[in-house]
């Protein structure tokens, strides 16, 4: 799903239509891709240098914070994880400027 013209307007429109996070089922699990759009642009124009994600019952920001990865040259940040397909919870992003 992170293919093609990643970060362009058409790509973001397609992502918006699918909804996030992106889910790919694999047996009793799901590969989940969390996306964050940097409204200030890519790494050359944005002052955001790190995005942390906190996912209820999956991550612990105090002992092992999870960071999103920026796709170079784009406004796209992502983090992927494999979780049970019946997991329900909340998540939020913590942008660091």
PDB file of N, CA and C in Angstrom:
ATOM      1  N   UNK A   1       0.816  -1.206   0.000  1.00  0.00           N
ATOM      2  CA  UNK A   1       0.000   0.000   0.000  1.00  0.00           C
ATOM      3  C   UNK A   1       0.855   1.263   0.000  1.00  0.00           C
ATOM      4  N   UNK A   2       2.110   1.112   0.424  1.00  0.00           N
ATOM      5  CA  UNK A   2       3.016   2.253   0.373  1.00  0.00           C
ATOM      6  C   UNK A   2       3.798   2.164  -0.931  1.00  0.00           C
ATOM      7  N   UNK A   3       3.078   2.362  -2.041  1.00  0.00           N
ATOM      8  CA  UNK A   3       3.670   2.235  -3.358  1.00  0.00           C
ATOM      9  C   UNK A   3       3.225   3.394  -4.233  1.00  0.00           C
ATOM     10  N   UNK A   4       3.715   3.386  -5.463  1.00  0.00           N
ATOM     11  CA  UNK A   4       3.289   4.379  -6.433  1.00  0.00           C
ATOM     12  C   UNK A   4       3.810   5.757  -6.099  1.00  0.00           C
ATOM     13  N   UNK A   5       3.008   6.740  -6.373  1.00  0.00           N
ATOM     14  CA  UNK A   5       3.370   8.140  -6.130  1.00  0.00           C
ATOM     15  C   UNK A   5       3.022   8.523  -4.697  1.00  0.00           C
ATOM     16  N   UNK A   6       3.721   7.904  -3.771  1.00  0.00           N
ATOM     17  CA  UNK A   6       3.448   8.095  -2.348  1.00  0.00           C
ATOM     18  C   UNK A   6       3.519   9.570  -1.983  1.00  0.00           C
ATOM     19  N   UNK A   7       2.478  10.039  -1.313  1.00  0.00           N
ATOM     20  CA  UNK A   7       2.445  11.403  -0.810  1.00  0.00           C
ATOM     21  C   UNK A   7       1.822  12.420  -1.732  1.00  0.00           C
ATOM     22  N   UNK A   8       1.580  12.055  -2.997  1.00  0.00           N
ATOM     23  CA  UNK A   8       0.948  13.066  -3.859  1.00  0.00           C
ATOM     24  C   UNK A   8      -0.546  13.151  -3.545  1.00  0.00           C
ATOM     25  N   UNK A   9      -1.208  14.120  -4.108  1.00  0.00           N
ATOM     26  CA  UNK A   9      -2.617  14.385  -3.797  1.00  0.00           C
ATOM     27  C   UNK A   9      -3.509  13.187  -4.107  1.00  0.00           C
ATOM     28  N   UNK A  10      -3.276  12.544  -5.249  1.00  0.00           N
ATOM     29  CA  UNK A  10      -4.083  11.377  -5.620  1.00  0.00           C
ATOM     30  C   UNK A  10      -3.878  10.241  -4.623  1.00  0.00           C
ATOM     31  N   UNK A  11      -2.620  10.010  -4.230  1.00  0.00           N
ATOM     32  CA  UNK A  11      -2.319   8.955  -3.265  1.00  0.00           C
ATOM     33  C   UNK A  11      -3.042   9.213  -1.954  1.00  0.00           C
ATOM     34  N   UNK A  12      -2.954  10.449  -1.440  1.00  0.00           N
ATOM     35  CA  UNK A  12      -3.641  10.764  -0.183  1.00  0.00           C
ATOM     36  C   UNK A  12      -5.160  10.635  -0.325  1.00  0.00           C
ATOM     37  N   UNK A  13      -5.708  10.962  -1.483  1.00  0.00           N
ATOM     38  CA  UNK A  13      -7.156  10.790  -1.709  1.00  0.00           C
ATOM     39  C   UNK A  13      -7.543   9.317  -1.639  1.00  0.00           C
ATOM     40  N   UNK A  14      -6.703   8.453  -2.222  1.00  0.00           N
ATOM     41  CA  UNK A  14      -6.970   7.015  -2.168  1.00  0.00           C
ATOM     42  C   UNK A  14      -6.869   6.499  -0.733  1.00  0.00           C
ATOM     43  N   UNK A  15      -5.878   6.969   0.007  1.00  0.00           N
ATOM     44  CA  UNK A  15      -5.733   6.571   1.410  1.00  0.00           C
ATOM     45  C   UNK A  15      -6.948   7.024   2.212  1.00  0.00           C
ATOM     46  N   UNK A  16      -7.379   8.248   1.960  1.00  0.00           N
ATOM     47  CA  UNK A  16      -8.552   8.776   2.664  1.00  0.00           C
ATOM     48  C   UNK A  16      -9.790   7.929   2.371  1.00  0.00           C
ATOM     49  N   UNK A  17      -9.951   7.509   1.135  1.00  0.00           N
ATOM     50  CA  UNK A  17     -11.110   6.687   0.765  1.00  0.00           C
ATOM     51  C   UNK A  17     -11.059   5.320   1.443  1.00  0.00           C
ATOM     52  N   UNK A  18      -9.839   4.752   1.606  1.00  0.00           N
ATOM     53  CA  UNK A  18      -9.696   3.451   2.263  1.00  0.00           C
ATOM     54  C   UNK A  18      -9.874   3.569   3.770  1.00  0.00           C
ATOM     55  N   UNK A  19      -9.446   4.690   4.330  1.00  0.00           N
ATOM     56  CA  UNK A  19      -9.486   4.881   5.776  1.00  0.00           C
ATOM     57  C   UNK A  19      -8.199   4.362   6.405  1.00  0.00           C
ATOM     58  N   UNK A  20      -7.858   4.944   7.530  1.00  0.00           N
ATOM     59  CA  UNK A  20      -6.645   4.527   8.233  1.00  0.00           C
ATOM     60  C   UNK A  20      -6.979   4.164   9.665  1.00  0.00           C
ATOM     61  N   UNK A  21      -6.158   3.319  10.270  1.00  0.00           N
ATOM     62  CA  UNK A  21      -4.963   2.705   9.721  1.00  0.00           C
ATOM     63  C   UNK A  21      -5.315   1.689   8.638  1.00  0.00           C
ATOM     64  N   UNK A  22      -4.318   1.404   7.798  1.00  0.00           N
ATOM     65  CA  UNK A  22      -4.504   0.423   6.735  1.00  0.00           C
ATOM     66  C   UNK A  22      -4.374  -0.976   7.332  1.00  0.00           C
ATOM     67  N   UNK A  23      -5.259  -1.876   6.927  1.00  0.00           N
ATOM     68  CA  UNK A  23      -5.292  -3.237   7.484  1.00  0.00           C
ATOM     69  C   UNK A  23      -5.155  -4.269   6.381  1.00  0.00           C
ATOM     70  N   UNK A  24      -4.285  -5.251   6.605  1.00  0.00           N
ATOM     71  CA  UNK A  24      -4.156  -6.393   5.705  1.00  0.00           C
ATOM     72  C   UNK A  24      -4.254  -7.650   6.557  1.00  0.00           C
ATOM     73  N   UNK A  25      -5.321  -8.401   6.385  1.00  0.00           N
ATOM     74  CA  UNK A  25      -5.527  -9.612   7.191  1.00  0.00           C
ATOM     75  C   UNK A  25      -4.546 -10.708   6.793  1.00  0.00           C
ATOM     76  N   UNK A  26      -4.093 -11.436   7.828  1.00  0.00           N
ATOM     77  CA  UNK A  26      -3.175 -12.555   7.636  1.00  0.00           C
ATOM     78  C   UNK A  26      -3.530 -13.600   8.692  1.00  0.00           C
ATOM     79  N   UNK A  27      -4.425 -14.515   8.350  1.00  0.00           N
ATOM     80  CA  UNK A  27      -4.900 -15.502   9.314  1.00  0.00           C
ATOM     81  C   UNK A  27      -5.649 -14.826  10.442  1.00  0.00           C
ATOM     82  N   UNK A  28      -5.227 -15.072  11.684  1.00  0.00           N
ATOM     83  CA  UNK A  28      -5.869 -14.468  12.854  1.00  0.00           C
ATOM     84  C   UNK A  28      -5.245 -13.130  13.232  1.00  0.00           C
ATOM     85  N   UNK A  29      -4.378 -12.616  12.378  1.00  0.00           N
ATOM     86  CA  UNK A  29      -3.696 -11.355  12.653  1.00  0.00           C
ATOM     87  C   UNK A  29      -3.958 -10.351  11.544  1.00  0.00           C
ATOM     88  N   UNK A  30      -3.533  -9.143  11.793  1.00  0.00           N
ATOM     89  CA  UNK A  30      -3.594  -8.076  10.798  1.00  0.00           C
ATOM     90  C   UNK A  30      -2.262  -7.349  10.763  1.00  0.00           C
ATOM     91  N   UNK A  31      -1.772  -7.097   9.550  1.00  0.00           N
ATOM     92  CA  UNK A  31      -0.656  -6.181   9.375  1.00  0.00           C
ATOM     93  C   UNK A  31      -1.290  -4.793   9.330  1.00  0.00           C
ATOM     94  N   UNK A  32      -0.887  -3.942  10.255  1.00  0.00           N
ATOM     95  CA  UNK A  32      -1.497  -2.613  10.376  1.00  0.00           C
ATOM     96  C   UNK A  32      -0.453  -1.560  10.047  1.00  0.00           C
ATOM     97  N   UNK A  33      -0.838  -0.625   9.178  1.00  0.00           N
ATOM     98  CA  UNK A  33       0.033   0.492   8.831  1.00  0.00           C
ATOM     99  C   UNK A  33      -0.640   1.780   9.270  1.00  0.00           C
ATOM    100  N   UNK A  34       0.002   2.452  10.226  1.00  0.00           N
ATOM    101  CA  UNK A  34      -0.461   3.748  10.693  1.00  0.00           C
ATOM    102  C   UNK A  34       0.235   4.819   9.853  1.00  0.00           C
ATOM    103  N   UNK A  35      -0.531   5.805   9.404  1.00  0.00           N
ATOM    104  CA  UNK A  35       0.013   6.884   8.578  1.00  0.00           C
ATOM    105  C   UNK A  35      -0.218   8.229   9.231  1.00  0.00           C
ATOM    106  N   UNK A  36       0.751   9.114   9.064  1.00  0.00           N
ATOM    107  CA  UNK A  36       0.622  10.500   9.536  1.00  0.00           C
ATOM    108  C   UNK A  36       1.084  11.404   8.410  1.00  0.00           C
ATOM    109  N   UNK A  37       0.289  12.426   8.099  1.00  0.00           N
ATOM    110  CA  UNK A  37       0.621  13.364   7.021  1.00  0.00           C
ATOM    111  C   UNK A  37       1.217  14.627   7.622  1.00  0.00           C
ATOM    112  N   UNK A  38       2.402  14.962   7.173  1.00  0.00           N
ATOM    113  CA  UNK A  38       3.092  16.162   7.629  1.00  0.00           C
ATOM    114  C   UNK A  38       2.621  17.334   6.782  1.00  0.00           C
ATOM    115  N   UNK A  39       1.744  18.142   7.346  1.00  0.00           N
ATOM    116  CA  UNK A  39       1.168  19.257   6.592  1.00  0.00           C
ATOM    117  C   UNK A  39       2.196  20.321   6.225  1.00  0.00           C
ATOM    118  N   UNK A  40       3.391  20.247   6.838  1.00  0.00           N
ATOM    119  CA  UNK A  40       4.458  21.179   6.490  1.00  0.00           C
ATOM    120  C   UNK A  40       5.347  20.647   5.374  1.00  0.00           C
ATOM    121  N   UNK A  41       5.034  19.484   4.827  1.00  0.00           N
ATOM    122  CA  UNK A  41       5.773  18.959   3.682  1.00  0.00           C
ATOM    123  C   UNK A  41       6.806  17.912   4.033  1.00  0.00           C
ATOM    124  N   UNK A  42       7.864  17.866   3.229  1.00  0.00           N
ATOM    125  CA  UNK A  42       8.898  16.846   3.402  1.00  0.00           C
ATOM    126  C   UNK A  42       9.950  17.293   4.407  1.00  0.00           C
ATOM    127  N   UNK A  43      11.035  16.508   4.504  1.00  0.00           N
ATOM    128  CA  UNK A  43      12.065  16.787   5.506  1.00  0.00           C
ATOM    129  C   UNK A  43      12.802  18.103   5.258  1.00  0.00           C
ATOM    130  N   UNK A  44      12.712  18.645   4.044  1.00  0.00           N
ATOM    131  CA  UNK A  44      13.383  19.914   3.744  1.00  0.00           C
ATOM    132  C   UNK A  44      12.577  21.119   4.210  1.00  0.00           C
ATOM    133  N   UNK A  45      11.251  20.973   4.268  1.00  0.00           N
ATOM    134  CA  UNK A  45      10.395  22.118   4.588  1.00  0.00           C
ATOM    135  C   UNK A  45       9.734  22.031   5.959  1.00  0.00           C
ATOM    136  N   UNK A  46       9.718  20.861   6.559  1.00  0.00           N
ATOM    137  CA  UNK A  46       9.028  20.669   7.838  1.00  0.00           C
ATOM    138  C   UNK A  46       9.991  20.745   9.012  1.00  0.00           C
ATOM    139  N   UNK A  47       9.509  21.295  10.107  1.00  0.00           N
ATOM    140  CA  UNK A  47      10.304  21.323  11.332  1.00  0.00           C
ATOM    141  C   UNK A  47      10.068  20.082  12.195  1.00  0.00           C
ATOM    142  N   UNK A  48       9.176  19.184  11.776  1.00  0.00           N
ATOM    143  CA  UNK A  48       8.922  17.950  12.513  1.00  0.00           C
ATOM    144  C   UNK A  48      10.059  16.965  12.243  1.00  0.00           C
ATOM    145  N   UNK A  49      10.717  16.503  13.304  1.00  0.00           N
ATOM    146  CA  UNK A  49      11.841  15.589  13.112  1.00  0.00           C
ATOM    147  C   UNK A  49      11.570  14.186  13.650  1.00  0.00           C
ATOM    148  N   UNK A  50      10.534  14.019  14.454  1.00  0.00           N
ATOM    149  CA  UNK A  50      10.188  12.702  14.992  1.00  0.00           C
ATOM    150  C   UNK A  50       8.685  12.653  15.233  1.00  0.00           C
ATOM    151  N   UNK A  51       8.100  11.499  14.961  1.00  0.00           N
ATOM    152  CA  UNK A  51       6.699  11.241  15.304  1.00  0.00           C
ATOM    153  C   UNK A  51       6.679   9.956  16.128  1.00  0.00           C
ATOM    154  N   UNK A  52       6.169  10.056  17.344  1.00  0.00           N
ATOM    155  CA  UNK A  52       5.967   8.867  18.164  1.00  0.00           C
ATOM    156  C   UNK A  52       4.516   8.445  18.036  1.00  0.00           C
ATOM    157  N   UNK A  53       4.269   7.163  18.244  1.00  0.00           N
ATOM    158  CA  UNK A  53       2.899   6.654  18.257  1.00  0.00           C
ATOM    159  C   UNK A  53       2.687   5.908  19.568  1.00  0.00           C
ATOM    160  N   UNK A  54       1.538   6.137  20.167  1.00  0.00           N
ATOM    161  CA  UNK A  54       1.138   5.361  21.338  1.00  0.00           C
ATOM    162  C   UNK A  54      -0.137   4.621  20.972  1.00  0.00           C
ATOM    163  N   UNK A  55      -0.070   3.299  21.071  1.00  0.00           N
ATOM    164  CA  UNK A  55      -1.198   2.431  20.748  1.00  0.00           C
ATOM    165  C   UNK A  55      -1.591   1.710  22.020  1.00  0.00           C
ATOM    166  N   UNK A  56      -2.824   1.918  22.435  1.00  0.00           N
ATOM    167  CA  UNK A  56      -3.335   1.336  23.670  1.00  0.00           C
ATOM    168  C   UNK A  56      -3.038  -0.152  23.748  1.00  0.00           C
ATOM    169  N   UNK A  57      -2.353  -0.546  24.807  1.00  0.00           N
ATOM    170  CA  UNK A  57      -2.018  -1.942  25.127  1.00  0.00           C
ATOM    171  C   UNK A  57      -0.993  -2.582  24.177  1.00  0.00           C
ATOM    172  N   UNK A  58      -0.438  -1.822  23.245  1.00  0.00           N
ATOM    173  CA  UNK A  58       0.568  -2.371  22.344  1.00  0.00           C
ATOM    174  C   UNK A  58       1.932  -1.714  22.515  1.00  0.00           C
ATOM    175  N   UNK A  59       1.948  -0.445  22.859  1.00  0.00           N
ATOM    176  CA  UNK A  59       3.211   0.270  22.990  1.00  0.00           C
ATOM    177  C   UNK A  59       3.331   0.834  24.397  1.00  0.00           C
ATOM    178  N   UNK A  60       4.554   1.058  24.819  1.00  0.00           N
ATOM    179  CA  UNK A  60       4.811   1.664  26.120  1.00  0.00           C
ATOM    180  C   UNK A  60       5.800   2.810  25.914  1.00  0.00           C
ATOM    181  N   UNK A  61       5.314   4.049  25.904  1.00  0.00           N
ATOM    182  CA  UNK A  61       6.188   5.183  25.600  1.00  0.00           C
ATOM    183  C   UNK A  61       7.252   5.435  26.665  1.00  0.00           C
ATOM    184  N   UNK A  62       7.079   4.853  27.849  1.00  0.00           N
ATOM    185  CA  UNK A  62       8.027   5.091  28.937  1.00  0.00           C
ATOM    186  C   UNK A  62       9.255   4.188  28.840  1.00  0.00           C
ATOM    187  N   UNK A  63       9.075   2.980  28.290  1.00  0.00           N
ATOM    188  CA  UNK A  63      10.207   2.063  28.235  1.00  0.00           C
ATOM    189  C   UNK A  63      10.723   1.822  26.814  1.00  0.00           C
ATOM    190  N   UNK A  64       9.841   1.886  25.828  1.00  0.00           N
ATOM    191  CA  UNK A  64      10.251   1.624  24.457  1.00  0.00           C
ATOM    192  C   UNK A  64       9.332   2.370  23.482  1.00  0.00           C
ATOM    193  N   UNK A  65       9.501   3.692  23.365  1.00  0.00           N
ATOM    194  CA  UNK A  65       8.610   4.447  22.478  1.00  0.00           C
ATOM    195  C   UNK A  65       8.781   4.013  21.019  1.00  0.00           C
ATOM    196  N   UNK A  66       7.682   3.978  20.294  1.00  0.00           N
ATOM    197  CA  UNK A  66       7.700   3.599  18.883  1.00  0.00           C
ATOM    198  C   UNK A  66       7.718   4.855  18.025  1.00  0.00           C
ATOM    199  N   UNK A  67       8.604   4.876  17.036  1.00  0.00           N
ATOM    200  CA  UNK A  67       8.730   6.016  16.134  1.00  0.00           C
ATOM    201  C   UNK A  67       8.208   5.655  14.753  1.00  0.00           C
ATOM    202  N   UNK A  68       7.544   6.605  14.136  1.00  0.00           N
ATOM    203  CA  UNK A  68       7.176   6.455  12.747  1.00  0.00           C
ATOM    204  C   UNK A  68       8.411   6.732  11.894  1.00  0.00           C
ATOM    205  N   UNK A  69       8.399   6.216  10.686  1.00  0.00           N
ATOM    206  CA  UNK A  69       9.471   6.433   9.715  1.00  0.00           C
ATOM    207  C   UNK A  69       8.956   7.356   8.627  1.00  0.00           C
ATOM    208  N   UNK A  70       9.757   8.369   8.289  1.00  0.00           N
ATOM    209  CA  UNK A  70       9.378   9.259   7.187  1.00  0.00           C
ATOM    210  C   UNK A  70       9.837   8.622   5.876  1.00  0.00           C
ATOM    211  N   UNK A  71       8.984   8.670   4.866  1.00  0.00           N
ATOM    212  CA  UNK A  71       9.386   8.271   3.525  1.00  0.00           C
ATOM    213  C   UNK A  71      10.059   9.484   2.907  1.00  0.00           C
ATOM    214  N   UNK A  72      11.342   9.375   2.682  1.00  0.00           N
ATOM    215  CA  UNK A  72      12.164  10.488   2.229  1.00  0.00           C
ATOM    216  C   UNK A  72      11.570  11.188   1.007  1.00  0.00           C
ATOM    217  N   UNK A  73      11.582  12.515   1.055  1.00  0.00           N
ATOM    218  CA  UNK A  73      11.093  13.316  -0.057  1.00  0.00           C
ATOM    219  C   UNK A  73       9.589  13.472  -0.105  1.00  0.00           C
ATOM    220  N   UNK A  74       8.891  12.989   0.954  1.00  0.00           N
ATOM    221  CA  UNK A  74       7.420  13.062   0.981  1.00  0.00           C
ATOM    222  C   UNK A  74       6.945  13.648   2.311  1.00  0.00           C
ATOM    223  N   UNK A  75       5.644  13.820   2.400  1.00  0.00           N
ATOM    224  CA  UNK A  75       5.009  14.261   3.644  1.00  0.00           C
ATOM    225  C   UNK A  75       4.443  13.080   4.434  1.00  0.00           C
ATOM    226  N   UNK A  76       4.876  11.865   4.095  1.00  0.00           N
ATOM    227  CA  UNK A  76       4.320  10.631   4.653  1.00  0.00           C
ATOM    228  C   UNK A  76       5.233  10.060   5.741  1.00  0.00           C
ATOM    229  N   UNK A  77       4.631   9.793   6.894  1.00  0.00           N
ATOM    230  CA  UNK A  77       5.275   9.057   7.991  1.00  0.00           C
ATOM    231  C   UNK A  77       4.447   7.806   8.216  1.00  0.00           C
ATOM    232  N   UNK A  78       5.106   6.672   8.572  1.00  0.00           N
ATOM    233  CA  UNK A  78       4.347   5.435   8.799  1.00  0.00           C
ATOM    234  C   UNK A  78       4.991   4.591   9.893  1.00  0.00           C
ATOM    235  N   UNK A  79       4.178   3.698  10.458  1.00  0.00           N
ATOM    236  CA  UNK A  79       4.636   2.676  11.397  1.00  0.00           C
ATOM    237  C   UNK A  79       3.789   1.448  11.163  1.00  0.00           C
ATOM    238  N   UNK A  80       4.424   0.266  11.114  1.00  0.00           N
ATOM    239  CA  UNK A  80       3.707  -0.976  10.860  1.00  0.00           C
ATOM    240  C   UNK A  80       3.874  -1.938  12.021  1.00  0.00           C
ATOM    241  N   UNK A  81       2.821  -2.707  12.266  1.00  0.00           N
ATOM    242  CA  UNK A  81       2.829  -3.680  13.358  1.00  0.00           C
ATOM    243  C   UNK A  81       1.870  -4.820  12.999  1.00  0.00           C
ATOM    244  N   UNK A  82       2.152  -5.988  13.536  1.00  0.00           N
ATOM    245  CA  UNK A  82       1.267  -7.144  13.389  1.00  0.00           C
ATOM    246  C   UNK A  82       0.507  -7.313  14.695  1.00  0.00           C
ATOM    247  N   UNK A  83      -0.824  -7.310  14.622  1.00  0.00           N
ATOM    248  CA  UNK A  83      -1.644  -7.426  15.827  1.00  0.00           C
ATOM    249  C   UNK A  83      -2.738  -8.473  15.604  1.00  0.00           C
ATOM    250  N   UNK A  84      -3.300  -9.003  16.699  1.00  0.00           N
ATOM    251  CA  UNK A  84      -4.428  -9.931  16.553  1.00  0.00           C
ATOM    252  C   UNK A  84      -5.595  -9.225  15.852  1.00  0.00           C
ATOM    253  N   UNK A  85      -6.280  -9.949  14.980  1.00  0.00           N
ATOM    254  CA  UNK A  85      -7.352  -9.335  14.199  1.00  0.00           C
ATOM    255  C   UNK A  85      -8.544  -8.906  15.053  1.00  0.00           C
ATOM    256  N   UNK A  86      -8.654  -9.408  16.291  1.00  0.00           N
ATOM    257  CA  UNK A  86      -9.767  -9.012  17.152  1.00  0.00           C
ATOM    258  C   UNK A  86      -9.392  -7.882  18.125  1.00  0.00           C
ATOM    259  N   UNK A  87      -8.195  -7.291  17.968  1.00  0.00           N
ATOM    260  CA  UNK A  87      -7.765  -6.211  18.855  1.00  0.00           C
ATOM    261  C   UNK A  87      -8.596  -4.954  18.588  1.00  0.00           C
ATOM    262  N   UNK A  88      -9.003  -4.311  19.662  1.00  0.00           N
ATOM    263  CA  UNK A  88      -9.693  -3.023  19.584  1.00  0.00           C
ATOM    264  C   UNK A  88      -8.984  -2.079  20.536  1.00  0.00           C
ATOM    265  N   UNK A  89      -8.790  -0.854  20.138  1.00  0.00           N
ATOM    266  CA  UNK A  89      -8.126   0.097  21.016  1.00  0.00           C
ATOM    267  C   UNK A  89      -8.010   1.461  20.368  1.00  0.00           C
ATOM    268  N   UNK A  90      -7.263   2.303  21.027  1.00  0.00           N
ATOM    269  CA  UNK A  90      -7.075   3.666  20.550  1.00  0.00           C
ATOM    270  C   UNK A  90      -5.590   3.912  20.307  1.00  0.00           C
ATOM    271  N   UNK A  91      -5.327   4.972  19.562  1.00  0.00           N
ATOM    272  CA  UNK A  91      -3.940   5.353  19.318  1.00  0.00           C
ATOM    273  C   UNK A  91      -3.877   6.860  19.130  1.00  0.00           C
ATOM    274  N   UNK A  92      -2.680   7.397  19.329  1.00  0.00           N
ATOM    275  CA  UNK A  92      -2.468   8.811  19.010  1.00  0.00           C
ATOM    276  C   UNK A  92      -1.016   9.035  18.643  1.00  0.00           C
ATOM    277  N   UNK A  93      -0.795  10.121  17.910  1.00  0.00           N
ATOM    278  CA  UNK A  93       0.533  10.491  17.446  1.00  0.00           C
ATOM    279  C   UNK A  93       1.075  11.625  18.303  1.00  0.00           C
ATOM    280  N   UNK A  94       2.403  11.626  18.460  1.00  0.00           N
ATOM    281  CA  UNK A  94       3.068  12.680  19.224  1.00  0.00           C
ATOM    282  C   UNK A  94       4.157  13.263  18.319  1.00  0.00           C
ATOM    283  N   UNK A  95       3.852  14.347  17.599  1.00  0.00           N
ATOM    284  CA  UNK A  95       4.872  14.961  16.743  1.00  0.00           C
ATOM    285  C   UNK A  95       5.854  15.794  17.570  1.00  0.00           C
ATOM    286  N   UNK A  96       7.139  15.690  17.235  1.00  0.00           N
ATOM    287  CA  UNK A  96       8.187  16.437  17.917  1.00  0.00           C
ATOM    288  C   UNK A  96       8.813  17.383  16.896  1.00  0.00           C
ATOM    289  N   UNK A  97       8.787  18.655  17.234  1.00  0.00           N
ATOM    290  CA  UNK A  97       9.381  19.675  16.335  1.00  0.00           C
ATOM    291  C   UNK A  97      10.698  20.129  16.891  1.00  0.00           C
TER     292      UNK A  97
END
